[in-house]
Protein backbone atom coordinates (compact mmCIF):
# COMPACT_ATOMS: atom_id res chain seq x y z
CA UNK A 1 100.81 56.31 151.00
CA UNK A 2 102.53 56.41 154.72
CA UNK A 3 104.73 59.10 154.35
CA UNK A 4 105.64 59.76 158.15
CA UNK A 5 106.82 55.93 158.23
CA UNK A 6 108.71 56.51 154.60
CA UNK A 7 110.36 59.35 156.10
CA UNK A 8 111.59 57.12 158.54
CA UNK A 9 113.79 55.42 156.18
CA UNK A 10 116.11 58.59 155.39
CA UNK A 11 118.16 59.72 158.44
CA UNK A 12 118.42 63.05 156.41
CA UNK A 13 114.57 63.57 157.57
CA UNK A 14 115.30 61.86 160.72
CA UNK A 15 118.17 64.48 161.84
CA UNK A 16 115.98 67.43 160.42
CA UNK A 17 112.46 66.98 160.36
CA UNK A 18 111.63 70.60 159.09
CA UNK A 19 113.38 69.98 155.68
CA UNK A 20 111.23 70.16 152.70
CA UNK A 21 112.74 68.53 150.01
CA UNK A 22 111.27 69.49 146.47
CA UNK A 23 114.41 69.00 144.49
CA UNK A 24 114.01 64.90 143.37
CA UNK A 25 114.45 65.61 139.96
CA UNK A 26 118.03 66.77 140.70
CA UNK A 27 119.00 64.18 143.05
CA UNK A 28 116.54 61.83 145.04
CA UNK A 29 117.21 61.27 148.65
CA UNK A 30 119.21 58.46 149.58
CA UNK A 31 117.38 55.56 151.79
CA UNK A 32 119.24 53.61 154.80
CA UNK A 33 119.36 50.33 153.57
CA UNK A 34 121.47 51.90 150.15
CA UNK A 35 123.96 53.67 152.78
CA UNK A 36 124.22 50.79 154.60
CA UNK A 37 125.30 48.75 151.59
CA UNK A 38 127.98 51.31 150.41
CA UNK A 39 129.53 51.32 154.22
CA UNK A 40 129.14 47.10 153.91
CA UNK A 41 131.42 46.99 150.84
CA UNK A 42 134.06 49.16 152.71
CA UNK A 43 133.73 47.81 156.18
CA UNK A 44 133.17 43.87 154.95
CA UNK A 45 135.02 43.27 151.66
CA UNK A 46 136.65 46.17 150.49
CA UNK A 47 138.34 44.54 147.20
CA UNK A 48 138.60 45.48 143.98
CA UNK A 49 136.32 43.38 141.11
CA UNK A 50 137.14 40.93 138.59
CA UNK A 51 140.96 41.00 139.22
CA UNK A 52 141.53 38.92 142.50
CA UNK A 53 141.56 35.01 143.51
CA UNK A 54 141.05 35.78 147.08
CA UNK A 55 137.77 35.79 149.11
CA UNK A 56 136.98 39.35 149.38
CA UNK A 57 137.90 40.07 145.86
CA UNK A 58 135.55 37.15 144.78
CA UNK A 59 132.94 38.59 147.10
CA UNK A 60 132.82 41.65 145.70
CA UNK A 61 133.07 40.67 141.87
CA UNK A 62 129.98 38.84 143.19
CA UNK A 63 127.78 41.71 144.25
CA UNK A 64 128.91 43.80 141.53
CA UNK A 65 127.37 41.36 139.02
CA UNK A 66 124.57 40.49 141.30
CA UNK A 67 123.55 44.50 140.59
CA UNK A 68 124.00 43.97 137.08
CA UNK A 69 121.49 41.04 136.78
CA UNK A 70 119.24 43.44 139.34
CA UNK A 71 119.10 46.22 137.21
CA UNK A 72 118.76 43.95 134.10
CA UNK A 73 115.60 42.49 135.39
CA UNK A 74 114.60 45.76 136.51
CA UNK A 75 114.17 47.32 133.59
CA UNK A 76 113.58 43.93 131.87
CA UNK A 77 116.68 43.81 129.71
CA UNK A 78 117.15 39.89 127.79
CA UNK A 79 120.02 39.69 129.71
CA UNK A 80 122.51 41.25 132.07
CA UNK A 81 125.09 41.49 129.09
CA UNK A 82 123.14 44.13 127.74
CA UNK A 83 123.78 46.55 131.22
CA UNK A 84 127.08 48.60 131.18
CA UNK A 85 127.81 50.41 134.66
CA UNK A 86 129.17 54.20 133.76
CA UNK A 87 129.35 57.34 136.48
CA UNK A 88 126.02 58.52 135.57
CA UNK A 89 123.75 59.47 132.27
CA UNK A 90 125.76 62.02 131.22
CA UNK A 91 128.44 59.40 130.85
CA UNK A 92 126.11 56.82 129.14
CA UNK A 93 125.15 59.06 126.55
CA UNK A 94 128.44 60.09 125.82
CA UNK A 95 129.91 56.62 125.60
CA UNK A 96 127.17 55.82 122.92
CA UNK A 97 127.95 59.20 121.05
CA UNK A 98 131.52 58.32 121.04
CA UNK A 99 131.43 54.89 120.16
CA UNK A 100 129.59 55.61 117.01
CA UNK A 101 131.83 58.31 115.76
CA UNK A 102 133.09 56.07 113.29
CA UNK A 103 129.72 54.79 111.93
CA UNK A 104 128.18 58.25 111.67
CA UNK A 105 129.16 59.79 107.89
CA UNK A 106 128.70 63.26 106.20
CA UNK A 107 125.53 62.55 104.56
CA UNK A 108 123.86 61.18 107.96
CA UNK A 109 121.42 63.26 110.07
CA UNK A 110 120.82 63.47 114.13
CA UNK A 111 117.57 64.45 115.67
CA UNK A 112 116.78 65.18 118.83
CA UNK A 113 114.32 67.71 120.26
CA UNK A 114 114.01 71.33 122.06
CA UNK A 115 113.12 69.86 125.50
CA UNK A 116 116.46 68.26 126.32
CA UNK A 117 118.71 68.05 128.60
CA UNK A 118 122.40 69.27 128.05
CA UNK A 119 123.31 65.55 128.61
CA UNK A 120 120.89 64.37 125.58
CA UNK A 121 121.85 67.77 123.16
CA UNK A 122 125.46 68.52 123.48
CA UNK A 123 126.76 65.35 122.60
CA UNK A 124 125.06 64.88 119.63
CA UNK A 125 125.65 68.35 118.72
CA UNK A 126 129.58 67.53 119.17
CA UNK A 127 129.01 64.35 117.14
CA UNK A 128 127.24 65.97 114.14
CA UNK A 129 130.25 68.95 114.14
CA UNK A 130 132.84 66.22 114.23
CA UNK A 131 131.29 63.85 111.47
CA UNK A 132 129.98 66.30 109.46
CA UNK A 133 126.55 65.05 109.92
CA UNK A 134 123.33 67.53 109.84
CA UNK A 135 122.17 68.30 113.51
CA UNK A 136 118.61 68.45 113.52
CA UNK A 137 116.57 69.80 116.44
CA UNK A 138 112.29 68.97 116.48
CA UNK A 139 110.39 71.90 117.75
CA UNK A 140 107.66 71.26 120.86
CA UNK A 141 104.39 72.38 121.07
CA UNK A 142 103.23 75.43 122.80
CA UNK A 143 102.03 73.11 126.01
CA UNK A 144 105.60 71.49 126.14
CA UNK A 145 104.50 68.26 124.41
CA UNK A 146 105.87 66.79 121.25
CA UNK A 147 103.99 66.86 117.75
CA UNK A 148 104.84 63.02 117.15
CA UNK A 149 104.14 63.94 113.07
CA UNK A 150 106.55 67.24 113.19
CA UNK A 151 109.00 65.09 114.80
CA UNK A 152 108.69 62.33 112.25
CA UNK A 153 108.95 65.31 109.82
CA UNK A 154 112.66 65.16 110.80
CA UNK A 155 113.23 61.37 110.07
CA UNK A 156 114.37 60.45 106.34
CA UNK A 157 116.67 57.46 105.03
CA UNK A 158 119.59 59.72 106.23
CA UNK A 159 118.75 59.69 109.59
CA UNK A 160 121.59 57.69 112.02
CA UNK A 161 120.26 58.78 115.28
CA UNK A 162 117.09 59.95 117.03
CA UNK A 163 117.86 61.03 120.89
CA UNK A 164 114.68 61.39 123.09
CA UNK A 165 114.20 62.30 126.90
CA UNK A 166 111.47 59.83 128.17
CA UNK A 167 110.53 62.62 130.84
CA UNK A 168 111.33 66.63 130.52
CA UNK A 169 113.25 67.60 133.31
CA UNK A 170 111.84 71.16 133.10
CA UNK A 171 108.61 70.57 131.46
CA UNK A 172 107.86 67.29 133.09
CA UNK A 173 106.19 66.04 129.76
CA UNK A 174 106.30 62.07 129.53
CA UNK A 175 106.91 61.79 126.10
CA UNK A 176 104.75 58.74 124.15
CA UNK A 177 108.06 56.55 123.52
CA UNK A 178 106.90 53.59 122.38
CA UNK A 179 104.38 55.16 119.56
CA UNK A 180 107.10 57.16 118.80
CA UNK A 181 109.90 54.31 118.26
CA UNK A 182 107.31 52.23 116.56
CA UNK A 183 106.40 55.01 114.02
CA UNK A 184 110.34 55.97 113.41
CA UNK A 185 111.00 51.79 112.70
CA UNK A 186 108.13 51.92 109.97
CA UNK A 187 109.87 55.43 108.27
CA UNK A 188 113.44 54.09 108.90
CA UNK A 189 114.08 51.06 110.55
CA UNK A 190 117.71 51.89 110.57
CA UNK A 191 117.80 54.89 112.98
CA UNK A 192 119.34 53.88 116.07
CA UNK A 193 116.75 55.09 119.03
CA UNK A 194 118.43 56.45 122.02
CA UNK A 195 116.56 57.40 125.40
CA UNK A 196 117.37 59.24 128.33
CA UNK A 197 115.25 58.01 130.95
CA UNK A 198 117.13 59.81 133.97
CA UNK A 199 113.43 61.13 134.91
CA UNK A 200 111.29 58.05 134.25
CA UNK A 201 112.98 55.17 136.18
CA UNK A 202 111.49 56.48 139.56
CA UNK A 203 108.46 57.43 138.54
CA UNK A 204 107.12 55.44 135.61
CA UNK A 205 107.82 50.88 134.40
CA UNK A 206 110.71 51.14 131.71
CA UNK A 207 110.59 48.07 129.94
CA UNK A 208 112.88 48.19 127.45
CA UNK A 209 111.33 45.28 125.49
CA UNK A 210 108.25 47.07 125.05
CA UNK A 211 109.85 50.10 124.39
CA UNK A 212 111.86 48.77 121.33
CA UNK A 213 114.90 51.64 121.90
CA UNK A 214 118.33 50.63 121.22
CA UNK A 215 120.08 52.21 124.32
CA UNK A 216 118.66 53.71 127.29
CA UNK A 217 120.45 55.72 129.94
CA UNK A 218 119.71 56.71 133.51
CA UNK A 219 121.61 57.58 136.75
CA UNK A 220 120.95 55.74 139.80
CA UNK A 221 121.12 58.67 141.83
CA UNK A 222 117.69 59.63 140.97
CA UNK A 223 116.72 56.13 141.72
CA UNK A 224 117.48 56.44 145.69
CA UNK A 225 120.70 55.09 144.64
CA UNK A 226 124.32 56.28 145.03
CA UNK A 227 125.99 59.16 143.00
CA UNK A 228 128.79 58.50 140.93
CA UNK A 229 126.86 55.18 138.73
CA UNK A 230 124.87 55.35 135.45
CA UNK A 231 123.06 52.83 133.50
CA UNK A 232 123.94 52.21 129.93
CA UNK A 233 121.51 49.64 128.55
CA UNK A 234 121.98 48.20 124.72
CA UNK A 235 120.69 45.78 122.56
CA UNK A 236 123.23 43.24 122.55
CA UNK A 237 124.43 44.15 118.88
CA UNK A 238 124.05 47.51 119.54
CA UNK A 239 126.53 47.51 122.06
CA UNK A 240 128.88 45.45 120.04
CA UNK A 241 128.84 48.61 117.73
CA UNK A 242 130.33 50.63 120.10
CA UNK A 243 134.16 51.64 120.18
CA UNK A 244 135.27 52.12 123.77
CA UNK A 245 135.64 55.70 124.99
CA UNK A 246 138.31 54.45 127.56
CA UNK A 247 140.87 51.53 127.48
CA UNK A 248 142.91 49.72 129.74
CA UNK A 249 142.16 47.41 132.85
CA UNK A 250 139.86 44.71 132.71
CA UNK A 251 138.39 45.37 129.29
CA UNK A 252 141.48 44.19 127.89
CA UNK A 253 141.48 40.70 126.47
CA UNK A 254 145.09 40.69 124.90
CA UNK A 255 147.45 43.24 124.35
CA UNK A 256 150.88 43.03 122.40
CA UNK A 257 153.29 45.77 120.88
CA UNK A 258 151.44 45.96 118.02
CA UNK A 259 147.97 45.34 118.77
CA UNK A 260 145.32 45.17 121.55
CA UNK A 261 141.89 42.97 121.49
CA UNK A 262 139.13 43.82 123.79
CA UNK A 263 136.81 41.32 125.80
CA UNK A 264 133.16 40.94 124.90
CA UNK A 265 130.30 43.70 126.08
CA UNK A 266 129.51 44.94 128.78
CA UNK A 267 132.92 44.55 129.89
CA UNK A 268 134.64 45.97 126.72
CA UNK A 269 132.72 49.69 127.74
CA UNK A 270 133.86 49.10 131.79
CA UNK A 271 137.80 49.90 131.62
CA UNK A 272 139.25 50.81 134.85
CA UNK A 273 137.89 50.26 138.72
CA UNK A 274 134.64 50.68 138.84
CA UNK A 275 132.39 52.64 141.85
CA UNK A 276 132.19 49.15 143.13
CA UNK A 277 130.30 50.29 146.36
CA UNK A 278 127.94 52.55 144.32
CA UNK A 279 127.02 49.64 142.27
CA UNK A 280 126.71 47.29 144.94
CA UNK A 281 124.71 49.37 146.72
CA UNK A 282 122.33 50.00 143.38
CA UNK A 283 120.73 46.90 144.01
CA UNK A 284 119.56 48.06 147.50
CA UNK A 285 117.79 51.25 145.78
CA UNK A 286 116.29 48.75 143.22
CA UNK A 287 114.61 46.45 145.80
CA UNK A 288 113.64 49.74 147.75
CA UNK A 289 111.61 51.16 144.75
CA UNK A 290 110.26 47.59 143.99
CA UNK A 291 108.70 47.70 147.81
CA UNK A 292 106.50 50.41 145.88
CA UNK A 293 104.00 49.55 143.06
CA UNK A 294 104.51 52.00 140.21
CA UNK A 295 100.70 52.71 140.29
CA UNK A 296 101.04 54.06 143.90
CA UNK A 297 103.97 55.89 142.94
CA UNK A 298 102.27 57.32 139.96
CA UNK A 299 98.66 58.12 141.90
CA UNK A 300 100.86 59.86 144.48
CA UNK A 301 102.76 61.70 142.08
CA UNK A 302 99.68 62.83 140.34
CA UNK A 303 97.57 63.89 143.53
CA UNK A 304 100.68 66.15 144.63
CA UNK A 305 101.06 67.93 141.07
CA UNK A 306 97.39 68.70 141.02
CA UNK A 307 97.33 69.83 144.58
CA UNK A 308 100.38 72.19 143.65
CA UNK A 309 98.94 73.22 140.75
CA UNK A 310 95.62 74.26 142.02
CA UNK A 311 97.06 75.88 144.90
CA UNK A 312 99.45 78.02 142.83
CA UNK A 313 96.31 79.09 140.97
CA UNK A 314 94.20 79.90 144.00
CA UNK A 315 97.01 82.14 145.82
CA UNK A 316 98.65 83.49 143.07
CA UNK A 317 96.91 83.60 139.67
CA UNK A 318 98.60 84.47 136.73
CA UNK A 319 101.50 85.83 138.82
CA UNK A 320 103.11 82.76 138.89
CA UNK A 321 103.49 80.96 135.33
CA UNK A 322 103.60 77.28 135.21
CA UNK A 323 105.55 75.44 132.32
CA UNK A 324 104.47 72.01 130.80
CA UNK A 325 101.08 70.19 129.77
CA UNK A 326 98.20 71.12 131.99
CA UNK A 327 97.34 67.78 131.90
CA UNK A 328 98.70 66.06 134.82
CA UNK A 329 98.42 62.62 132.90
CA UNK A 330 100.94 64.04 130.35
CA UNK A 331 103.44 65.00 132.79
CA UNK A 332 105.13 63.47 135.74
CA UNK A 333 107.63 64.73 138.99
CA UNK A 334 108.92 68.37 137.93
CA UNK A 335 106.89 71.93 137.66
CA UNK A 336 108.76 74.77 136.63
CA UNK A 337 107.40 78.35 137.11
CA UNK A 338 108.07 81.79 137.56
CA UNK A 339 106.76 84.24 139.84
CA UNK A 340 105.84 87.70 139.04
CA UNK A 341 109.54 89.21 137.94
CA UNK A 342 111.35 87.73 141.07
CA UNK A 343 114.33 85.94 139.94
CA UNK A 344 114.18 81.96 140.60
CA UNK A 345 117.44 82.18 142.15
CA UNK A 346 115.99 85.11 144.98
CA UNK A 347 113.37 82.64 144.99
CA UNK A 348 115.27 79.45 145.99
CA UNK A 349 117.36 81.25 148.17
CA UNK A 350 114.26 83.17 150.32
CA UNK A 351 112.83 79.45 150.10
CA UNK A 352 115.98 77.83 151.67
CA UNK A 353 116.81 80.50 154.30
CA UNK A 354 113.45 81.49 155.63
CA UNK A 355 111.70 78.39 155.27
CA UNK A 356 113.99 75.28 155.02
CA UNK A 357 112.81 74.60 151.43
CA UNK A 358 115.09 73.02 149.02
CA UNK A 359 114.09 74.16 145.35
CA UNK A 360 115.75 74.08 142.09
CA UNK A 361 116.38 77.44 140.52
CA UNK A 362 118.37 77.83 137.12
CA UNK A 363 117.78 76.47 133.54
CA UNK A 364 118.33 73.01 134.98
CA UNK A 365 120.63 72.15 132.43
CA UNK A 366 118.35 72.96 129.37
CA UNK A 367 119.38 76.27 127.76
CA UNK A 368 117.83 76.16 124.59
CA UNK A 369 114.77 74.89 126.11
CA UNK A 370 114.62 78.06 128.22
CA UNK A 371 116.13 80.73 125.85
CA UNK A 372 114.57 79.76 122.56
CA UNK A 373 111.38 77.92 123.66
CA UNK A 374 110.05 79.51 126.69
CA UNK A 375 111.22 82.87 126.22
CA UNK A 376 112.79 83.06 130.17
CA UNK A 377 116.48 83.23 130.90
CA UNK A 378 115.62 80.72 134.12
CA UNK A 379 113.05 79.43 136.04
CA UNK A 380 112.31 77.88 139.64
CA UNK A 381 111.50 74.37 139.82
CA UNK A 382 109.80 71.89 142.26
CA UNK A 383 109.79 68.22 142.22
CA UNK A 384 107.86 65.23 144.06
CA UNK A 385 109.10 61.78 145.35
CA UNK A 386 107.75 58.94 147.72
CA UNK A 387 108.40 61.18 150.80
CA UNK A 388 106.78 64.00 149.84
CA UNK A 389 102.87 64.99 151.02
CA UNK A 390 100.44 68.08 150.67
CA UNK A 391 101.81 69.56 153.79
CA UNK A 392 104.80 70.16 152.11
CA UNK A 393 103.09 72.60 149.26
CA UNK A 394 101.26 74.08 152.03
CA UNK A 395 104.76 75.17 153.45
CA UNK A 396 105.71 76.13 149.75
CA UNK A 397 102.98 78.65 149.42
CA UNK A 398 103.77 80.22 152.74
CA UNK A 399 107.07 80.54 151.77
CA UNK A 400 106.41 82.25 148.38
CA UNK A 401 104.17 84.75 150.16
CA UNK A 402 107.16 85.39 152.62
CA UNK A 403 109.19 85.80 148.64
CA UNK A 404 106.33 88.40 147.88
CA UNK A 405 107.07 90.55 151.27
CA UNK A 406 110.61 90.48 150.97
CA UNK A 407 110.93 91.08 147.49
CA UNK A 408 108.54 93.87 146.84
């Protein structure tokens, strides 16, 4: 990849060519065409969607629905009716959890894993509390991978939901989703499989038909798009199972004094005025990532991860501990680590202050994973994208040496 050319797509690098951005797991940077599309909406056809007969509203509605088709094509959905726009992955997963509230009984159980982001853990925990269903947390191996047999051991004839991340935002673990789903279907074909793909969509080709998941969620801001736009994919018949979390606005079919009927999905799950500019600009984000080949993105990422891991080991040895799979073929995007007894927040602050390096520090919205599995209060995390290169890692190594000097 021509990184120098790619960086020209981002005004943030044009304005500050010293910035080393290593926090793409939290949010990817936004290329110029996406920003331009947001401005185009506000400057050219600023109007609400699906409720105006004048030309700007018609234009806005058309652009909005073109984005729905673009998302459907991107993840190989059967139709655009299987795409619901929300405010983010968290909103998408909560929409599912609330929507299934009346479908869960005390006799059911809900299964997730110890590596989940809070957004794919807490909603199911809360759903179990509200319904009395058993909440089961499948363990993970010491190397940060899932033992499929142990996971399947938590699935039985009463399992209603399996909620699983595609890629761990802490460990970088790539879970064999298609294989897991295939085996779950054999054990209990009635289990609803819900996939958190927030960390997968910008690194791996996601084909919902090949995966055969019932629901899948991700955020556009991790895919070079705007913040405040989430995707909820569901098989048409599975979306129809969901009771709407919000009511009112254009999701209404008919209202009387005594009852209300709702429109068909996806509109049934899209109450109120959406983030029109963001949704419209999401099409540009998808076009942007489609300008690369996923195998190129993956090769570039693996090269950076291996170089980073090798550099860590060469320069710091056992003083720096890396979490997650050692095999880079089993991981994507993120490398979380601890460095001596230095607090990750101190590490991140010094890297920013002295070297203009942006990394993540903390529990990364995965408290059970950190405290119960890794046995640490927090980690530092670096994560890569198409605009990163080896010299970013070289600068990171320099920065960590500076951390050593300051925190002696």
